[in-house]
């Protein structure tokens, strides 16, 4: 084979510090553009980005030479720096931790739709309920006492 081919898809979820509602509707379009640029600068692709005022969901393809931890650190640091450059946004920051799940190519469209429907989803379920469902669906072991502590 003359070339290496990968399509490493990840569904990442991360929150604002203390889950404060700091991402208003005016911020979303540009925040999405900034996150997409950070991923592109590292040879990846942002496929979908959406969320609520206190958390973000994104579906992205990461280049195989970039670890998930390095990519998320770059996304969080870069987007925080950008938000801080805006008037009145110095209080903005992300939580230290994140969750990231691999997505099979056959599930790509379902995850895109899931992320696009965040506002409707959160009319019926809290972030806590949604997050536990994500962990369970992915088969990720977790201790309920430490998930939100």
N, C-alpha and C. Protein backbone atom coordinates (compact mmCIF):
# COMPACT_ATOMS: atom_id res chain seq x y z
N UNK A 1 0.86 -1.17 0.00
CA UNK A 1 0.00 0.00 0.00
C UNK A 1 0.90 1.24 0.00
N UNK A 2 0.65 2.16 -0.89
CA UNK A 2 1.52 3.32 -1.06
C UNK A 2 1.25 4.44 -0.05
N UNK A 3 0.06 4.46 0.55
CA UNK A 3 -0.29 5.55 1.47
C UNK A 3 -0.96 4.97 2.71
N UNK A 4 -0.95 5.74 3.77
CA UNK A 4 -1.66 5.38 4.99
C UNK A 4 -3.02 6.07 4.96
N UNK A 5 -4.07 5.33 5.23
CA UNK A 5 -5.42 5.87 5.24
C UNK A 5 -6.05 5.62 6.60
N UNK A 6 -6.56 6.67 7.20
CA UNK A 6 -7.26 6.53 8.47
C UNK A 6 -8.48 7.43 8.47
N UNK A 7 -9.43 7.09 9.27
CA UNK A 7 -10.58 7.95 9.53
C UNK A 7 -10.96 7.71 10.99
N UNK A 8 -10.21 8.34 11.89
CA UNK A 8 -10.35 8.14 13.33
C UNK A 8 -11.34 9.16 13.87
N UNK A 9 -12.58 8.73 14.05
CA UNK A 9 -13.66 9.61 14.49
C UNK A 9 -13.83 9.56 15.99
N UNK A 10 -14.00 10.74 16.59
CA UNK A 10 -14.18 10.85 18.03
C UNK A 10 -15.36 11.76 18.35
N UNK A 11 -16.17 11.32 19.31
CA UNK A 11 -17.23 12.15 19.87
C UNK A 11 -16.70 12.63 21.22
N UNK A 12 -16.41 13.92 21.30
CA UNK A 12 -15.82 14.50 22.51
C UNK A 12 -16.85 15.37 23.21
N UNK A 13 -16.81 15.32 24.55
CA UNK A 13 -17.71 16.11 25.37
C UNK A 13 -16.88 16.77 26.46
N UNK A 14 -17.03 18.08 26.61
CA UNK A 14 -16.36 18.76 27.71
C UNK A 14 -17.20 19.95 28.14
N UNK A 15 -16.98 20.37 29.39
CA UNK A 15 -17.82 21.38 30.02
C UNK A 15 -17.04 22.62 30.39
N UNK A 16 -17.78 23.69 30.57
CA UNK A 16 -17.18 24.88 31.13
C UNK A 16 -16.84 24.61 32.59
N UNK A 17 -15.90 25.37 33.13
CA UNK A 17 -15.51 25.20 34.52
C UNK A 17 -16.73 25.42 35.41
N UNK A 18 -16.89 24.49 36.34
CA UNK A 18 -18.03 24.50 37.28
C UNK A 18 -19.37 24.45 36.56
N UNK A 19 -19.33 24.04 35.30
CA UNK A 19 -20.52 23.92 34.46
C UNK A 19 -21.34 25.21 34.43
N UNK A 20 -20.62 26.32 34.45
CA UNK A 20 -21.28 27.63 34.37
C UNK A 20 -21.79 27.86 32.94
N UNK A 21 -22.97 28.45 32.79
CA UNK A 21 -23.55 28.69 31.45
C UNK A 21 -22.92 29.90 30.77
N UNK A 22 -21.72 29.70 30.22
CA UNK A 22 -20.94 30.81 29.66
C UNK A 22 -20.97 30.90 28.14
N UNK A 23 -21.56 29.91 27.48
CA UNK A 23 -21.57 29.91 26.01
C UNK A 23 -22.96 30.32 25.53
N UNK A 24 -23.10 31.59 25.17
CA UNK A 24 -24.42 32.04 24.72
C UNK A 24 -24.55 31.83 23.21
N UNK A 25 -25.75 32.04 22.71
CA UNK A 25 -26.03 31.75 21.30
C UNK A 25 -25.20 32.61 20.36
N UNK A 26 -24.80 33.80 20.78
CA UNK A 26 -23.96 34.64 19.94
C UNK A 26 -22.54 34.10 19.82
N UNK A 27 -22.08 33.36 20.82
CA UNK A 27 -20.72 32.85 20.85
C UNK A 27 -20.55 31.58 20.02
N UNK A 28 -21.61 30.77 19.89
CA UNK A 28 -21.51 29.45 19.26
C UNK A 28 -20.90 29.46 17.86
N UNK A 29 -21.39 30.28 16.94
CA UNK A 29 -20.86 30.18 15.56
C UNK A 29 -19.35 30.41 15.49
N UNK A 30 -18.88 31.43 16.16
CA UNK A 30 -17.45 31.73 16.10
C UNK A 30 -16.64 30.73 16.91
N UNK A 31 -17.17 30.26 18.04
CA UNK A 31 -16.49 29.24 18.84
C UNK A 31 -16.31 27.97 18.00
N UNK A 32 -17.33 27.61 17.26
CA UNK A 32 -17.25 26.45 16.37
C UNK A 32 -16.17 26.65 15.31
N UNK A 33 -16.11 27.84 14.75
CA UNK A 33 -15.09 28.14 13.74
C UNK A 33 -13.69 28.05 14.34
N UNK A 34 -13.52 28.58 15.55
CA UNK A 34 -12.22 28.54 16.22
C UNK A 34 -11.81 27.10 16.52
N UNK A 35 -12.72 26.31 17.06
CA UNK A 35 -12.42 24.91 17.35
C UNK A 35 -12.08 24.17 16.06
N UNK A 36 -12.84 24.41 15.01
CA UNK A 36 -12.55 23.78 13.72
C UNK A 36 -11.16 24.15 13.20
N UNK A 37 -10.77 25.40 13.37
CA UNK A 37 -9.45 25.84 12.94
C UNK A 37 -8.33 25.17 13.72
N UNK A 38 -8.53 25.02 15.01
CA UNK A 38 -7.53 24.35 15.86
C UNK A 38 -7.36 22.90 15.40
N UNK A 39 -8.45 22.23 15.13
CA UNK A 39 -8.39 20.84 14.67
C UNK A 39 -7.73 20.77 13.30
N UNK A 40 -8.12 21.66 12.38
CA UNK A 40 -7.52 21.69 11.04
C UNK A 40 -6.02 21.94 11.10
N UNK A 41 -5.60 22.83 12.00
CA UNK A 41 -4.16 23.13 12.14
C UNK A 41 -3.36 21.89 12.54
N UNK A 42 -4.04 20.91 13.09
CA UNK A 42 -3.40 19.66 13.52
C UNK A 42 -3.80 18.50 12.60
N UNK A 43 -4.16 18.84 11.37
CA UNK A 43 -4.45 17.89 10.30
C UNK A 43 -5.71 17.05 10.55
N UNK A 44 -6.63 17.57 11.33
CA UNK A 44 -7.88 16.88 11.58
C UNK A 44 -9.04 17.59 10.90
N UNK A 45 -10.25 17.08 11.14
CA UNK A 45 -11.47 17.67 10.57
C UNK A 45 -12.55 17.72 11.62
N UNK A 46 -13.16 18.88 11.78
CA UNK A 46 -14.33 19.01 12.64
C UNK A 46 -15.55 18.70 11.79
N UNK A 47 -16.32 17.70 12.19
CA UNK A 47 -17.49 17.29 11.43
C UNK A 47 -18.78 17.89 11.98
N UNK A 48 -18.82 18.09 13.29
CA UNK A 48 -20.01 18.68 13.92
C UNK A 48 -19.63 19.23 15.28
N UNK A 49 -20.24 20.34 15.66
CA UNK A 49 -19.99 20.96 16.96
C UNK A 49 -21.28 21.63 17.41
N UNK A 50 -21.70 21.34 18.61
CA UNK A 50 -22.91 21.94 19.17
C UNK A 50 -22.89 21.67 20.66
N UNK A 51 -23.81 22.23 21.35
CA UNK A 51 -23.89 21.98 22.77
C UNK A 51 -24.87 22.92 23.44
N UNK A 52 -24.62 23.13 24.70
CA UNK A 52 -25.47 23.95 25.53
C UNK A 52 -24.59 25.03 26.16
N UNK A 53 -25.17 25.96 26.91
CA UNK A 53 -24.36 27.02 27.50
C UNK A 53 -23.24 26.53 28.43
N UNK A 54 -23.34 25.28 28.89
CA UNK A 54 -22.33 24.79 29.84
C UNK A 54 -21.51 23.61 29.33
N UNK A 55 -21.73 23.16 28.11
CA UNK A 55 -20.92 22.06 27.59
C UNK A 55 -20.96 21.98 26.07
N UNK A 56 -19.96 21.28 25.54
CA UNK A 56 -19.77 21.15 24.10
C UNK A 56 -19.72 19.67 23.72
N UNK A 57 -20.34 19.34 22.59
CA UNK A 57 -20.18 18.05 21.94
C UNK A 57 -19.53 18.32 20.60
N UNK A 58 -18.55 17.52 20.25
CA UNK A 58 -18.02 17.64 18.91
C UNK A 58 -17.72 16.26 18.35
N UNK A 59 -17.88 16.16 17.05
CA UNK A 59 -17.48 14.97 16.31
C UNK A 59 -16.37 15.42 15.39
N UNK A 60 -15.23 14.75 15.51
CA UNK A 60 -14.08 15.16 14.71
C UNK A 60 -13.25 13.96 14.32
N UNK A 61 -12.54 14.12 13.23
CA UNK A 61 -11.55 13.13 12.80
C UNK A 61 -10.18 13.69 13.18
N UNK A 62 -9.43 12.95 13.98
CA UNK A 62 -8.11 13.39 14.41
C UNK A 62 -7.05 12.68 13.58
N UNK A 63 -5.99 13.39 13.28
CA UNK A 63 -4.86 12.79 12.56
C UNK A 63 -4.22 11.74 13.47
N UNK A 64 -3.77 10.62 12.93
CA UNK A 64 -3.24 9.54 13.78
C UNK A 64 -1.97 9.90 14.57
N UNK A 65 -1.30 10.98 14.19
CA UNK A 65 -0.09 11.36 14.94
C UNK A 65 -0.39 12.25 16.14
N UNK A 66 -1.65 12.66 16.30
CA UNK A 66 -2.05 13.54 17.40
C UNK A 66 -2.88 12.73 18.39
N UNK A 67 -2.44 12.69 19.63
CA UNK A 67 -3.20 11.95 20.64
C UNK A 67 -4.48 12.72 20.99
N UNK A 68 -5.45 11.99 21.49
CA UNK A 68 -6.70 12.62 21.93
C UNK A 68 -6.40 13.66 23.00
N UNK A 69 -5.55 13.32 23.96
CA UNK A 69 -5.22 14.25 25.05
C UNK A 69 -4.59 15.53 24.51
N UNK A 70 -3.66 15.39 23.57
CA UNK A 70 -3.02 16.58 23.00
C UNK A 70 -4.01 17.43 22.21
N UNK A 71 -4.89 16.78 21.47
CA UNK A 71 -5.87 17.52 20.68
C UNK A 71 -6.84 18.27 21.59
N UNK A 72 -7.34 17.60 22.63
CA UNK A 72 -8.28 18.26 23.52
C UNK A 72 -7.61 19.39 24.28
N UNK A 73 -6.36 19.22 24.66
CA UNK A 73 -5.64 20.29 25.34
C UNK A 73 -5.50 21.49 24.41
N UNK A 74 -5.18 21.25 23.15
CA UNK A 74 -5.04 22.34 22.18
C UNK A 74 -6.39 23.03 21.94
N UNK A 75 -7.46 22.26 21.82
CA UNK A 75 -8.79 22.83 21.60
C UNK A 75 -9.18 23.72 22.78
N UNK A 76 -9.01 23.20 23.98
CA UNK A 76 -9.43 23.95 25.16
C UNK A 76 -8.57 25.19 25.36
N UNK A 77 -7.25 25.06 25.24
CA UNK A 77 -6.37 26.22 25.44
C UNK A 77 -6.60 27.27 24.36
N UNK A 78 -6.64 26.84 23.12
CA UNK A 78 -6.82 27.79 22.02
C UNK A 78 -8.16 28.49 22.06
N UNK A 79 -9.22 27.75 22.34
CA UNK A 79 -10.55 28.37 22.38
C UNK A 79 -10.69 29.29 23.60
N UNK A 80 -10.07 28.92 24.72
CA UNK A 80 -10.09 29.80 25.89
C UNK A 80 -9.37 31.11 25.58
N UNK A 81 -8.20 31.02 24.96
CA UNK A 81 -7.47 32.24 24.60
C UNK A 81 -8.30 33.12 23.68
N UNK A 82 -8.97 32.50 22.72
CA UNK A 82 -9.81 33.28 21.82
C UNK A 82 -10.95 33.96 22.58
N UNK A 83 -11.66 33.20 23.43
CA UNK A 83 -12.78 33.79 24.19
C UNK A 83 -12.27 34.93 25.07
N UNK A 84 -11.11 34.76 25.69
CA UNK A 84 -10.56 35.81 26.54
C UNK A 84 -10.22 37.07 25.77
N UNK A 85 -10.04 36.97 24.47
CA UNK A 85 -9.74 38.15 23.66
C UNK A 85 -10.99 38.99 23.41
N UNK A 86 -12.16 38.44 23.72
CA UNK A 86 -13.42 39.16 23.51
C UNK A 86 -13.71 40.04 24.73
N UNK A 87 -14.38 41.17 24.52
CA UNK A 87 -14.71 42.04 25.66
C UNK A 87 -15.61 41.32 26.68
N UNK A 88 -15.27 41.43 27.94
CA UNK A 88 -16.10 40.92 29.02
C UNK A 88 -16.11 39.41 29.18
N UNK A 89 -15.14 38.71 28.65
CA UNK A 89 -15.15 37.24 28.68
C UNK A 89 -13.99 36.65 29.50
N UNK A 90 -13.39 37.40 30.38
CA UNK A 90 -12.23 36.92 31.12
C UNK A 90 -12.58 35.78 32.08
N UNK A 91 -13.82 35.62 32.46
CA UNK A 91 -14.19 34.57 33.41
C UNK A 91 -14.31 33.20 32.75
N UNK A 92 -14.21 33.13 31.43
CA UNK A 92 -14.42 31.88 30.71
C UNK A 92 -13.26 30.91 30.92
N UNK A 93 -13.61 29.65 31.18
CA UNK A 93 -12.61 28.57 31.18
C UNK A 93 -13.34 27.24 31.08
N UNK A 94 -12.59 26.23 30.68
CA UNK A 94 -13.11 24.87 30.56
C UNK A 94 -12.72 24.06 31.79
N UNK A 95 -13.51 23.03 32.09
CA UNK A 95 -13.09 22.06 33.10
C UNK A 95 -11.85 21.35 32.59
N UNK A 96 -11.06 20.85 33.53
CA UNK A 96 -9.82 20.15 33.17
C UNK A 96 -10.10 18.87 32.39
N UNK A 97 -11.09 18.13 32.78
CA UNK A 97 -11.34 16.81 32.20
C UNK A 97 -12.26 16.86 31.00
N UNK A 98 -12.39 15.73 30.34
CA UNK A 98 -13.23 15.60 29.15
C UNK A 98 -13.58 14.12 29.00
N UNK A 99 -14.48 13.86 28.09
CA UNK A 99 -14.77 12.48 27.68
C UNK A 99 -14.68 12.43 26.17
N UNK A 100 -14.20 11.31 25.68
CA UNK A 100 -14.03 11.15 24.24
C UNK A 100 -14.29 9.69 23.89
N UNK A 101 -15.15 9.46 22.94
CA UNK A 101 -15.56 8.12 22.55
C UNK A 101 -15.26 7.91 21.06
N UNK A 102 -14.78 6.75 20.72
CA UNK A 102 -14.57 6.45 19.31
C UNK A 102 -15.92 6.21 18.64
N UNK A 103 -15.98 6.55 17.36
CA UNK A 103 -17.21 6.40 16.59
C UNK A 103 -16.88 5.62 15.33
N UNK A 104 -17.60 4.53 15.10
CA UNK A 104 -17.44 3.78 13.87
C UNK A 104 -18.04 4.53 12.70
N UNK A 105 -17.47 4.36 11.54
CA UNK A 105 -17.93 5.08 10.36
C UNK A 105 -19.43 4.84 10.09
N UNK A 106 -19.92 3.66 10.44
CA UNK A 106 -21.34 3.36 10.25
C UNK A 106 -22.24 4.14 11.20
N UNK A 107 -21.69 4.68 12.28
CA UNK A 107 -22.47 5.45 13.25
C UNK A 107 -22.28 6.96 13.09
N UNK A 108 -21.49 7.36 12.13
CA UNK A 108 -21.15 8.78 11.96
C UNK A 108 -22.40 9.66 11.85
N UNK A 109 -23.32 9.32 10.97
CA UNK A 109 -24.51 10.16 10.77
C UNK A 109 -25.39 10.21 12.01
N UNK A 110 -25.49 9.12 12.74
CA UNK A 110 -26.28 9.11 13.97
C UNK A 110 -25.67 10.06 15.00
N UNK A 111 -24.35 10.07 15.11
CA UNK A 111 -23.70 10.96 16.07
C UNK A 111 -23.83 12.41 15.62
N UNK A 112 -23.70 12.68 14.34
CA UNK A 112 -23.92 14.04 13.83
C UNK A 112 -25.32 14.51 14.21
N UNK A 113 -26.33 13.69 13.97
CA UNK A 113 -27.70 14.06 14.32
C UNK A 113 -27.88 14.24 15.81
N UNK A 114 -27.26 13.38 16.61
CA UNK A 114 -27.32 13.49 18.06
C UNK A 114 -26.76 14.85 18.51
N UNK A 115 -25.63 15.23 17.97
CA UNK A 115 -25.00 16.49 18.35
C UNK A 115 -25.85 17.67 17.88
N UNK A 116 -26.38 17.59 16.69
CA UNK A 116 -27.22 18.69 16.18
C UNK A 116 -28.48 18.90 17.01
N UNK A 117 -28.96 17.86 17.65
CA UNK A 117 -30.22 17.93 18.40
C UNK A 117 -30.02 18.22 19.89
N UNK A 118 -28.91 18.78 20.26
CA UNK A 118 -28.64 19.03 21.68
C UNK A 118 -29.71 19.86 22.38
N UNK A 119 -30.15 20.93 21.75
CA UNK A 119 -31.14 21.80 22.40
C UNK A 119 -32.43 21.03 22.66
N UNK A 120 -32.89 20.27 21.69
CA UNK A 120 -34.12 19.48 21.88
C UNK A 120 -33.90 18.40 22.94
N UNK A 121 -32.75 17.78 22.92
CA UNK A 121 -32.45 16.71 23.88
C UNK A 121 -32.49 17.25 25.31
N UNK A 122 -31.95 18.43 25.51
CA UNK A 122 -31.87 18.96 26.87
C UNK A 122 -33.17 19.58 27.36
N UNK A 123 -34.17 19.60 26.53
CA UNK A 123 -35.50 19.94 27.01
C UNK A 123 -36.11 18.76 27.75
N UNK A 124 -35.57 17.54 27.48
CA UNK A 124 -36.10 16.31 28.08
C UNK A 124 -35.17 15.69 29.11
N UNK A 125 -33.88 15.95 28.99
CA UNK A 125 -32.91 15.29 29.87
C UNK A 125 -31.83 16.26 30.30
N UNK A 126 -31.38 16.11 31.53
CA UNK A 126 -30.29 16.93 32.04
C UNK A 126 -28.97 16.45 31.45
N UNK A 127 -27.95 17.27 31.59
CA UNK A 127 -26.61 16.87 31.16
C UNK A 127 -26.18 15.62 31.90
N UNK A 128 -26.47 15.54 33.18
CA UNK A 128 -26.07 14.38 33.98
C UNK A 128 -26.68 13.09 33.42
N UNK A 129 -27.97 13.11 33.10
CA UNK A 129 -28.64 11.94 32.53
C UNK A 129 -28.02 11.61 31.17
N UNK A 130 -27.85 12.63 30.34
CA UNK A 130 -27.27 12.42 29.02
C UNK A 130 -25.87 11.80 29.12
N UNK A 131 -25.06 12.32 30.02
CA UNK A 131 -23.69 11.86 30.12
C UNK A 131 -23.60 10.41 30.60
N UNK A 132 -24.40 10.06 31.59
CA UNK A 132 -24.42 8.66 32.07
C UNK A 132 -24.86 7.74 30.94
N UNK A 133 -25.85 8.16 30.14
CA UNK A 133 -26.28 7.36 28.99
C UNK A 133 -25.14 7.17 27.99
N UNK A 134 -24.36 8.24 27.74
CA UNK A 134 -23.22 8.12 26.83
C UNK A 134 -22.21 7.11 27.36
N UNK A 135 -21.89 7.20 28.63
CA UNK A 135 -20.95 6.25 29.24
C UNK A 135 -21.46 4.82 29.12
N UNK A 136 -22.72 4.62 29.42
CA UNK A 136 -23.30 3.28 29.37
C UNK A 136 -23.34 2.75 27.95
N UNK A 137 -23.74 3.58 26.99
CA UNK A 137 -23.81 3.16 25.59
C UNK A 137 -22.43 2.76 25.06
N UNK A 138 -21.40 3.48 25.52
CA UNK A 138 -20.04 3.19 25.07
C UNK A 138 -19.42 2.02 25.82
N UNK A 139 -20.08 1.58 26.90
CA UNK A 139 -19.52 0.50 27.71
C UNK A 139 -18.32 0.96 28.54
N UNK A 140 -18.28 2.25 28.84
CA UNK A 140 -17.18 2.82 29.59
C UNK A 140 -17.40 2.61 31.09
N UNK A 141 -16.46 1.94 31.75
CA UNK A 141 -16.61 1.76 33.20
C UNK A 141 -16.52 3.12 33.92
N UNK A 142 -17.34 3.30 34.94
CA UNK A 142 -17.31 4.54 35.70
C UNK A 142 -17.83 4.29 37.11
N UNK A 143 -17.43 5.14 38.02
CA UNK A 143 -17.91 5.11 39.39
C UNK A 143 -18.90 6.26 39.53
N UNK A 144 -20.18 5.99 39.77
CA UNK A 144 -21.18 7.05 39.86
C UNK A 144 -20.83 8.14 40.87
N UNK A 145 -20.09 7.78 41.91
CA UNK A 145 -19.72 8.76 42.93
C UNK A 145 -18.68 9.75 42.41
N UNK A 146 -17.97 9.41 41.34
CA UNK A 146 -16.90 10.28 40.86
C UNK A 146 -17.17 10.94 39.51
N UNK A 147 -18.31 10.66 38.92
CA UNK A 147 -18.59 11.19 37.58
C UNK A 147 -18.71 12.71 37.61
N UNK A 148 -19.43 13.25 38.57
CA UNK A 148 -19.67 14.69 38.60
C UNK A 148 -19.04 15.35 39.82
N UNK A 149 -18.21 14.63 40.55
CA UNK A 149 -17.63 15.17 41.79
C UNK A 149 -16.44 16.02 41.63
